[in-house]
PDB file of N, CA and C in Angstrom:
ATOM      1  N   MET A   1      11.924 -29.192  -6.030  1.00  0.00           N
ATOM      2  CA  MET A   1      10.673 -28.308  -5.924  1.00  0.00           C
ATOM      3  C   MET A   1      11.109 -27.291  -5.349  1.00  0.00           C
ATOM      4  N   GLU A   2      10.548 -26.117  -6.150  1.00  0.00           N
ATOM      5  CA  GLU A   2      11.448 -24.594  -5.248  1.00  0.00           C
ATOM      6  C   GLU A   2      10.694 -24.168  -3.949  1.00  0.00           C
ATOM      7  N   THR A   3      10.587 -24.416  -3.067  1.00  0.00           N
ATOM      8  CA  THR A   3       9.871 -23.836  -2.070  1.00  0.00           C
ATOM      9  C   THR A   3       9.533 -22.376  -2.011  1.00  0.00           C
ATOM     10  N   LYS A   4       9.226 -21.582  -1.652  1.00  0.00           N
ATOM     11  CA  LYS A   4       8.768 -19.948  -1.371  1.00  0.00           C
ATOM     12  C   LYS A   4       8.315 -19.721   0.793  1.00  0.00           C
ATOM     13  N   ASP A   5       9.067 -19.068   1.009  1.00  0.00           N
ATOM     14  CA  ASP A   5       8.778 -18.234   2.328  1.00  0.00           C
ATOM     15  C   ASP A   5       6.643 -17.757   3.011  1.00  0.00           C
ATOM     16  N   LEU A   6       6.792 -17.427   1.700  1.00  0.00           N
ATOM     17  CA  LEU A   6       5.420 -17.231   1.892  1.00  0.00           C
ATOM     18  C   LEU A   6       4.546 -16.782   0.696  1.00  0.00           C
ATOM     19  N   ILE A   7       3.381 -17.064   0.246  1.00  0.00           N
ATOM     20  CA  ILE A   7       2.804 -16.957  -0.842  1.00  0.00           C
ATOM     21  C   ILE A   7       1.289 -16.013  -0.769  1.00  0.00           C
ATOM     22  N   VAL A   8       0.617 -15.378  -1.528  1.00  0.00           N
ATOM     23  CA  VAL A   8      -0.709 -14.525  -0.894  1.00  0.00           C
ATOM     24  C   VAL A   8      -0.703 -14.689  -2.330  1.00  0.00           C
ATOM     25  N   ILE A   9      -1.937 -14.880  -1.337  1.00  0.00           N
ATOM     26  CA  ILE A   9      -3.245 -15.022  -2.596  1.00  0.00           C
ATOM     27  C   ILE A   9      -4.552 -13.118  -3.530  1.00  0.00           C
ATOM     28  N   GLY A  10      -3.611 -12.998  -4.674  1.00  0.00           N
ATOM     29  CA  GLY A  10      -4.509 -11.875  -4.872  1.00  0.00           C
ATOM     30  C   GLY A  10      -3.640 -10.454  -5.039  1.00  0.00           C
ATOM     31  N   GLY A  11      -3.842  -9.801  -5.754  1.00  0.00           N
ATOM     32  CA  GLY A  11      -3.041  -9.654  -6.634  1.00  0.00           C
ATOM     33  C   GLY A  11      -3.587  -7.362  -6.182  1.00  0.00           C
ATOM     34  N   GLY A  12      -4.327  -7.539  -5.186  1.00  0.00           N
ATOM     35  CA  GLY A  12      -4.790  -5.876  -5.299  1.00  0.00           C
ATOM     36  C   GLY A  12      -3.993  -5.170  -4.352  1.00  0.00           C
ATOM     37  N   ILE A  13      -4.150  -4.639  -3.394  1.00  0.00           N
ATOM     38  CA  ILE A  13      -3.292  -3.269  -3.455  1.00  0.00           C
ATOM     39  C   ILE A  13      -2.655  -4.486  -1.611  1.00  0.00           C
ATOM     40  N   ASN A  14      -3.384  -4.113  -1.010  1.00  0.00           N
ATOM     41  CA  ASN A  14      -3.388  -5.162   0.197  1.00  0.00           C
ATOM     42  C   ASN A  14      -2.267  -6.507  -0.324  1.00  0.00           C
ATOM     43  N   GLY A  15      -2.624  -7.254  -1.123  1.00  0.00           N
ATOM     44  CA  GLY A  15      -1.840  -8.533  -1.494  1.00  0.00           C
ATOM     45  C   GLY A  15      -0.882  -7.817  -1.970  1.00  0.00           C
ATOM     46  N   ALA A  16       0.156  -6.997  -2.819  1.00  0.00           N
ATOM     47  CA  ALA A  16       0.797  -6.496  -3.614  1.00  0.00           C
ATOM     48  C   ALA A  16       1.482  -6.186  -2.300  1.00  0.00           C
ATOM     49  N   GLY A  17       0.905  -5.226  -1.506  1.00  0.00           N
ATOM     50  CA  GLY A  17       1.622  -4.569  -0.724  1.00  0.00           C
ATOM     51  C   GLY A  17       1.945  -6.021   0.379  1.00  0.00           C
ATOM     52  N   ILE A  18       1.694  -6.354   0.651  1.00  0.00           N
ATOM     53  CA  ILE A  18       2.388  -7.969   1.385  1.00  0.00           C
ATOM     54  C   ILE A  18       3.119  -8.073   0.277  1.00  0.00           C
ATOM     55  N   ALA A  19       3.032  -8.966  -0.507  1.00  0.00           N
ATOM     56  CA  ALA A  19       4.302  -9.056  -1.265  1.00  0.00           C
ATOM     57  C   ALA A  19       5.952  -8.177  -2.052  1.00  0.00           C
ATOM     58  N   ALA A  20       5.138  -7.291  -1.458  1.00  0.00           N
ATOM     59  CA  ALA A  20       6.233  -6.555  -0.980  1.00  0.00           C
ATOM     60  C   ALA A  20       7.142  -6.607  -0.391  1.00  0.00           C
ATOM     61  N   ASP A  21       6.514  -5.903   0.619  1.00  0.00           N
ATOM     62  CA  ASP A  21       6.741  -5.666   2.645  1.00  0.00           C
ATOM     63  C   ASP A  21       7.455  -6.882   2.400  1.00  0.00           C
ATOM     64  N   ALA A  22       7.147  -8.512   2.790  1.00  0.00           N
ATOM     65  CA  ALA A  22       7.682  -9.740   3.187  1.00  0.00           C
ATOM     66  C   ALA A  22       9.104 -10.198   1.303  1.00  0.00           C
ATOM     67  N   ALA A  23       9.009  -9.367   0.670  1.00  0.00           N
ATOM     68  CA  ALA A  23      10.779  -9.785   0.029  1.00  0.00           C
ATOM     69  C   ALA A  23      11.735  -8.203   0.380  1.00  0.00           C
ATOM     70  N   GLY A  24      10.785  -7.536   1.113  1.00  0.00           N
ATOM     71  CA  GLY A  24      11.702  -6.195   1.337  1.00  0.00           C
ATOM     72  C   GLY A  24      12.180  -6.893   2.391  1.00  0.00           C
ATOM     73  N   ARG A  25      11.719  -7.902   3.296  1.00  0.00           N
ATOM     74  CA  ARG A  25      12.250  -8.661   4.524  1.00  0.00           C
ATOM     75  C   ARG A  25      12.906  -9.299   4.326  1.00  0.00           C
ATOM     76  N   GLY A  26      13.662  -9.960   2.618  1.00  0.00           N
ATOM     77  CA  GLY A  26      14.551 -10.821   2.560  1.00  0.00           C
ATOM     78  C   GLY A  26      13.441 -12.637   2.009  1.00  0.00           C
ATOM     79  N   LEU A  27      12.478 -12.384   2.860  1.00  0.00           N
ATOM     80  CA  LEU A  27      11.458 -13.486   2.061  1.00  0.00           C
ATOM     81  C   LEU A  27      11.595 -13.616   0.700  1.00  0.00           C
ATOM     82  N   SER A  28      11.095 -15.082   0.113  1.00  0.00           N
ATOM     83  CA  SER A  28      10.901 -15.256  -1.124  1.00  0.00           C
ATOM     84  C   SER A  28       9.262 -15.718  -1.153  1.00  0.00           C
ATOM     85  N   VAL A  29       9.105 -14.951  -2.139  1.00  0.00           N
ATOM     86  CA  VAL A  29       7.215 -14.295  -2.229  1.00  0.00           C
ATOM     87  C   VAL A  29       6.883 -15.158  -3.143  1.00  0.00           C
ATOM     88  N   LEU A  30       5.968 -16.056  -3.009  1.00  0.00           N
ATOM     89  CA  LEU A  30       4.947 -16.180  -4.414  1.00  0.00           C
ATOM     90  C   LEU A  30       3.588 -15.346  -4.461  1.00  0.00           C
ATOM     91  N   MET A  31       3.559 -14.212  -5.610  1.00  0.00           N
ATOM     92  CA  MET A  31       1.958 -13.758  -5.338  1.00  0.00           C
ATOM     93  C   MET A  31       0.818 -14.185  -6.598  1.00  0.00           C
ATOM     94  N   LEU A  32      -0.130 -14.948  -6.169  1.00  0.00           N
ATOM     95  CA  LEU A  32      -0.722 -15.171  -7.346  1.00  0.00           C
ATOM     96  C   LEU A  32      -2.063 -14.045  -7.425  1.00  0.00           C
ATOM     97  N   GLU A  33      -2.670 -13.889  -8.681  1.00  0.00           N
ATOM     98  CA  GLU A  33      -3.768 -13.466  -9.213  1.00  0.00           C
ATOM     99  C   GLU A  33      -4.320 -13.741 -10.498  1.00  0.00           C
ATOM    100  N   ALA A  34      -5.356 -14.101 -10.252  1.00  0.00           N
ATOM    101  CA  ALA A  34      -6.138 -14.641 -11.764  1.00  0.00           C
ATOM    102  C   ALA A  34      -5.878 -13.935 -12.926  1.00  0.00           C
ATOM    103  N   ARG A  35      -6.029 -12.609 -12.561  1.00  0.00           N
ATOM    104  CA  ARG A  35      -6.177 -11.296 -14.040  1.00  0.00           C
ATOM    105  C   ARG A  35      -4.990 -10.153 -13.174  1.00  0.00           C
ATOM    106  N   ASP A  36      -4.963  -9.829 -13.856  1.00  0.00           N
ATOM    107  CA  ASP A  36      -4.388  -8.009 -13.689  1.00  0.00           C
ATOM    108  C   ASP A  36      -4.556  -7.656 -12.449  1.00  0.00           C
ATOM    109  N   LEU A  37      -2.505  -7.191 -11.551  1.00  0.00           N
ATOM    110  CA  LEU A  37      -2.694  -6.634 -11.088  1.00  0.00           C
ATOM    111  C   LEU A  37      -3.384  -5.414 -10.617  1.00  0.00           C
ATOM    112  N   ALA A  38      -4.484  -5.018  -9.304  1.00  0.00           N
ATOM    113  CA  ALA A  38      -5.005  -3.977  -9.215  1.00  0.00           C
ATOM    114  C   ALA A  38      -6.377  -4.260  -9.835  1.00  0.00           C
ATOM    115  N   CYS A  39      -6.556  -5.114 -10.401  1.00  0.00           N
ATOM    116  CA  CYS A  39      -8.141  -4.753 -11.479  1.00  0.00           C
ATOM    117  C   CYS A  39      -9.680  -5.044 -11.331  1.00  0.00           C
ATOM    118  N   ALA A  40      -9.628  -5.697  -9.535  1.00  0.00           N
ATOM    119  CA  ALA A  40     -10.974  -5.625  -8.879  1.00  0.00           C
ATOM    120  C   ALA A  40     -11.454  -4.039  -7.668  1.00  0.00           C
ATOM    121  N   THR A  41     -11.435  -5.271  -6.806  1.00  0.00           N
ATOM    122  CA  THR A  41     -11.816  -3.993  -5.738  1.00  0.00           C
ATOM    123  C   THR A  41     -10.588  -2.337  -5.574  1.00  0.00           C
ATOM    124  N   SER A  42      -9.753  -2.815  -5.306  1.00  0.00           N
ATOM    125  CA  SER A  42      -8.411  -2.140  -5.858  1.00  0.00           C
ATOM    126  C   SER A  42      -8.517  -1.074  -7.082  1.00  0.00           C
ATOM    127  N   SER A  43      -9.559  -1.582  -7.880  1.00  0.00           N
ATOM    128  CA  SER A  43      -9.455  -0.624  -8.822  1.00  0.00           C
ATOM    129  C   SER A  43     -10.453   0.422  -9.178  1.00  0.00           C
ATOM    130  N   ALA A  44     -11.264  -0.093  -8.398  1.00  0.00           N
ATOM    131  CA  ALA A  44     -12.482   1.088  -7.876  1.00  0.00           C
ATOM    132  C   ALA A  44     -11.743   1.720  -7.075  1.00  0.00           C
ATOM    133  N   SER A  45     -11.089   2.212  -6.078  1.00  0.00           N
ATOM    134  CA  SER A  45     -10.656   3.114  -4.904  1.00  0.00           C
ATOM    135  C   SER A  45     -10.727   4.804  -5.322  1.00  0.00           C
ATOM    136  N   SER A  46     -10.634   5.190  -4.188  1.00  0.00           N
ATOM    137  CA  SER A  46     -10.321   6.896  -5.021  1.00  0.00           C
ATOM    138  C   SER A  46      -9.223   7.289  -5.320  1.00  0.00           C
ATOM    139  N   LYS A  47      -7.831   5.932  -5.255  1.00  0.00           N
ATOM    140  CA  LYS A  47      -6.336   6.128  -5.781  1.00  0.00           C
ATOM    141  C   LYS A  47      -5.997   7.725  -4.158  1.00  0.00           C
ATOM    142  N   LEU A  48      -6.185   7.842  -3.021  1.00  0.00           N
ATOM    143  CA  LEU A  48      -5.942   8.734  -2.640  1.00  0.00           C
ATOM    144  C   LEU A  48      -5.141   8.477  -1.071  1.00  0.00           C
ATOM    145  N   ILE A  49      -4.224   8.430  -1.461  1.00  0.00           N
ATOM    146  CA  ILE A  49      -3.004   8.686   0.118  1.00  0.00           C
ATOM    147  C   ILE A  49      -3.484   9.868   0.913  1.00  0.00           C
ATOM    148  N   HIS A  50      -4.277   9.194   2.545  1.00  0.00           N
ATOM    149  CA  HIS A  50      -4.829  10.902   2.583  1.00  0.00           C
ATOM    150  C   HIS A  50      -3.917  10.854   3.988  1.00  0.00           C
ATOM    151  N   GLY A  51      -3.839  11.903   4.486  1.00  0.00           N
ATOM    152  CA  GLY A  51      -2.322  11.827   5.177  1.00  0.00           C
ATOM    153  C   GLY A  51      -3.059  11.945   6.720  1.00  0.00           C
ATOM    154  N   GLY A  52      -4.047  10.759   6.948  1.00  0.00           N
ATOM    155  CA  GLY A  52      -4.298  11.126   8.860  1.00  0.00           C
ATOM    156  C   GLY A  52      -4.956  11.393   9.273  1.00  0.00           C
ATOM    157  N   LEU A  53      -6.083  13.128   8.661  1.00  0.00           N
ATOM    158  CA  LEU A  53      -6.482  13.880   9.462  1.00  0.00           C
ATOM    159  C   LEU A  53      -7.772  13.522  10.249  1.00  0.00           C
ATOM    160  N   ARG A  54      -8.097  12.369   9.141  1.00  0.00           N
ATOM    161  CA  ARG A  54      -9.660  11.522   9.815  1.00  0.00           C
ATOM    162  C   ARG A  54      -9.135  10.995  11.378  1.00  0.00           C
ATOM    163  N   TYR A  55      -8.044  10.884  11.621  1.00  0.00           N
ATOM    164  CA  TYR A  55      -7.976  10.062  13.485  1.00  0.00           C
ATOM    165  C   TYR A  55      -7.528  11.437  14.347  1.00  0.00           C
ATOM    166  N   LEU A  56      -7.570  12.460  13.785  1.00  0.00           N
ATOM    167  CA  LEU A  56      -8.125  13.803  14.660  1.00  0.00           C
ATOM    168  C   LEU A  56      -9.239  13.993  15.379  1.00  0.00           C
ATOM    169  N   GLU A  57     -10.386  12.913  14.488  1.00  0.00           N
ATOM    170  CA  GLU A  57     -11.726  13.557  14.829  1.00  0.00           C
ATOM    171  C   GLU A  57     -11.908  12.474  16.197  1.00  0.00           C
ATOM    172  N   HIS A  58     -11.014  11.575  16.951  1.00  0.00           N
ATOM    173  CA  HIS A  58     -10.428  10.609  17.650  1.00  0.00           C
ATOM    174  C   HIS A  58      -9.416  11.012  18.427  1.00  0.00           C
ATOM    175  N   TYR A  59      -8.619  12.136  18.851  1.00  0.00           N
ATOM    176  CA  TYR A  59      -7.421  12.286  18.621  1.00  0.00           C
ATOM    177  C   TYR A  59      -6.234  11.733  19.147  1.00  0.00           C
ATOM    178  N   GLU A  60      -6.282  10.687  17.779  1.00  0.00           N
ATOM    179  CA  GLU A  60      -5.372  10.085  17.853  1.00  0.00           C
ATOM    180  C   GLU A  60      -4.496  10.483  16.484  1.00  0.00           C
ATOM    181  N   PHE A  61      -3.149  11.406  17.286  1.00  0.00           N
ATOM    182  CA  PHE A  61      -2.113  11.648  16.788  1.00  0.00           C
ATOM    183  C   PHE A  61      -1.808  10.730  16.457  1.00  0.00           C
ATOM    184  N   ARG A  62      -0.933  10.160  17.269  1.00  0.00           N
ATOM    185  CA  ARG A  62      -0.085   8.934  17.083  1.00  0.00           C
ATOM    186  C   ARG A  62      -0.211   8.374  15.749  1.00  0.00           C
ATOM    187  N   LEU A  63      -1.661   7.677  15.157  1.00  0.00           N
ATOM    188  CA  LEU A  63      -2.439   7.309  13.988  1.00  0.00           C
ATOM    189  C   LEU A  63      -2.009   8.607  12.380  1.00  0.00           C
ATOM    190  N   VAL A  64      -1.936   9.901  13.674  1.00  0.00           N
ATOM    191  CA  VAL A  64      -1.809  10.971  12.194  1.00  0.00           C
ATOM    192  C   VAL A  64      -1.115  11.260  11.964  1.00  0.00           C
ATOM    193  N   SER A  65      -0.040  10.976  13.021  1.00  0.00           N
ATOM    194  CA  SER A  65       1.810  11.160  12.604  1.00  0.00           C
ATOM    195  C   SER A  65       2.446  10.268  11.952  1.00  0.00           C
ATOM    196  N   GLU A  66       1.561   8.968  12.597  1.00  0.00           N
ATOM    197  CA  GLU A  66       2.509   7.640  11.296  1.00  0.00           C
ATOM    198  C   GLU A  66       1.745   7.755  10.137  1.00  0.00           C
ATOM    199  N   ALA A  67       0.694   7.837   9.494  1.00  0.00           N
ATOM    200  CA  ALA A  67       0.081   8.526   8.353  1.00  0.00           C
ATOM    201  C   ALA A  67       0.361   9.488   7.413  1.00  0.00           C
ATOM    202  N   LEU A  68       1.079  10.583   8.208  1.00  0.00           N
ATOM    203  CA  LEU A  68       1.803  11.310   7.465  1.00  0.00           C
ATOM    204  C   LEU A  68       3.027  11.283   7.609  1.00  0.00           C
ATOM    205  N   ALA A  69       3.762  10.286   7.584  1.00  0.00           N
ATOM    206  CA  ALA A  69       4.983   9.749   8.295  1.00  0.00           C
ATOM    207  C   ALA A  69       5.290   8.595   6.868  1.00  0.00           C
ATOM    208  N   GLU A  70       4.291   7.943   6.296  1.00  0.00           N
ATOM    209  CA  GLU A  70       3.681   6.687   5.587  1.00  0.00           C
ATOM    210  C   GLU A  70       3.941   7.712   4.102  1.00  0.00           C
ATOM    211  N   ARG A  71       2.800   8.433   4.462  1.00  0.00           N
ATOM    212  CA  ARG A  71       3.057   9.638   3.112  1.00  0.00           C
ATOM    213  C   ARG A  71       4.057   9.493   2.310  1.00  0.00           C
ATOM    214  N   GLU A  72       4.356  10.853   2.835  1.00  0.00           N
ATOM    215  CA  GLU A  72       5.690  10.894   2.446  1.00  0.00           C
ATOM    216  C   GLU A  72       6.753   9.675   2.203  1.00  0.00           C
ATOM    217  N   VAL A  73       7.007   8.816   2.408  1.00  0.00           N
ATOM    218  CA  VAL A  73       7.438   7.371   1.927  1.00  0.00           C
ATOM    219  C   VAL A  73       6.868   6.931   0.765  1.00  0.00           C
ATOM    220  N   LEU A  74       6.204   6.469   0.613  1.00  0.00           N
ATOM    221  CA  LEU A  74       5.421   6.800  -0.307  1.00  0.00           C
ATOM    222  C   LEU A  74       5.612   7.546  -1.592  1.00  0.00           C
ATOM    223  N   LEU A  75       5.213   8.802  -1.045  1.00  0.00           N
ATOM    224  CA  LEU A  75       5.886  10.106  -2.644  1.00  0.00           C
ATOM    225  C   LEU A  75       7.362  10.427  -2.697  1.00  0.00           C
ATOM    226  N   LYS A  76       7.916   9.360  -1.587  1.00  0.00           N
ATOM    227  CA  LYS A  76       9.645   9.838  -2.251  1.00  0.00           C
ATOM    228  C   LYS A  76      10.463   8.331  -3.116  1.00  0.00           C
ATOM    229  N   MET A  77       9.108   7.374  -3.018  1.00  0.00           N
ATOM    230  CA  MET A  77       8.850   6.122  -3.609  1.00  0.00           C
ATOM    231  C   MET A  77       8.225   5.635  -4.854  1.00  0.00           C
ATOM    232  N   ALA A  78       7.473   6.330  -4.724  1.00  0.00           N
ATOM    233  CA  ALA A  78       7.425   6.903  -6.550  1.00  0.00           C
ATOM    234  C   ALA A  78       6.371   7.314  -6.288  1.00  0.00           C
ATOM    235  N   PRO A  79       7.245   8.620  -7.403  1.00  0.00           N
ATOM    236  CA  PRO A  79       6.678   9.873  -7.962  1.00  0.00           C
ATOM    237  C   PRO A  79       6.377  10.350  -9.021  1.00  0.00           C
ATOM    238  N   HIS A  80       6.156   8.787  -9.398  1.00  0.00           N
ATOM    239  CA  HIS A  80       5.545   9.312 -10.723  1.00  0.00           C
ATOM    240  C   HIS A  80       4.480   8.300 -10.638  1.00  0.00           C
ATOM    241  N   ILE A  81       3.858   8.092  -9.969  1.00  0.00           N
ATOM    242  CA  ILE A  81       2.338   7.408  -9.570  1.00  0.00           C
ATOM    243  C   ILE A  81       2.275   8.513  -8.102  1.00  0.00           C
ATOM    244  N   ALA A  82       2.714   8.415  -7.012  1.00  0.00           N
ATOM    245  CA  ALA A  82       2.514   9.523  -5.831  1.00  0.00           C
ATOM    246  C   ALA A  82       2.628  10.367  -5.944  1.00  0.00           C
ATOM    247  N   PHE A  83       2.100  11.448  -6.104  1.00  0.00           N
ATOM    248  CA  PHE A  83       1.676  12.970  -5.768  1.00  0.00           C
ATOM    249  C   PHE A  83       1.039  13.709  -5.177  1.00  0.00           C
ATOM    250  N   PRO A  84       1.424  14.534  -4.719  1.00  0.00           N
ATOM    251  CA  PRO A  84       0.212  15.469  -4.080  1.00  0.00           C
ATOM    252  C   PRO A  84      -0.719  16.392  -4.870  1.00  0.00           C
ATOM    253  N   MET A  85      -1.683  16.599  -4.482  1.00  0.00           N
ATOM    254  CA  MET A  85      -3.107  17.128  -4.797  1.00  0.00           C
ATOM    255  C   MET A  85      -2.828  18.806  -4.447  1.00  0.00           C
ATOM    256  N   ARG A  86      -3.451  19.617  -4.462  1.00  0.00           N
ATOM    257  CA  ARG A  86      -4.127  20.959  -3.684  1.00  0.00           C
ATOM    258  C   ARG A  86      -5.832  20.319  -3.565  1.00  0.00           C
ATOM    259  N   PHE A  87      -5.950  21.299  -2.274  1.00  0.00           N
ATOM    260  CA  PHE A  87      -7.021  20.681  -1.824  1.00  0.00           C
ATOM    261  C   PHE A  87      -7.549  21.708  -2.167  1.00  0.00           C
ATOM    262  N   ARG A  88      -9.053  21.697  -2.599  1.00  0.00           N
ATOM    263  CA  ARG A  88      -9.943  22.605  -3.061  1.00  0.00           C
ATOM    264  C   ARG A  88     -11.209  23.191  -2.612  1.00  0.00           C
TER     265      ARG A  88
END
């Protein structure tokens, strides 16, 4: 019987992110999803990756910096699905 280091239940944005992170750290991962990936709550999201500006309201400059850094990582890792949009 094959064993896994981690079983993730749910293939939404959080479950997929946790599974990807764990696999990237060398863990063997099994992700279980009843239907298609990101078809429930994740499919109804705005699909926007914010740069952390909302943290400025509470002077959370470290969080702003972290959010911007993570945004850049996503833009570089997945340019086919993550791209900058102009502010209108």
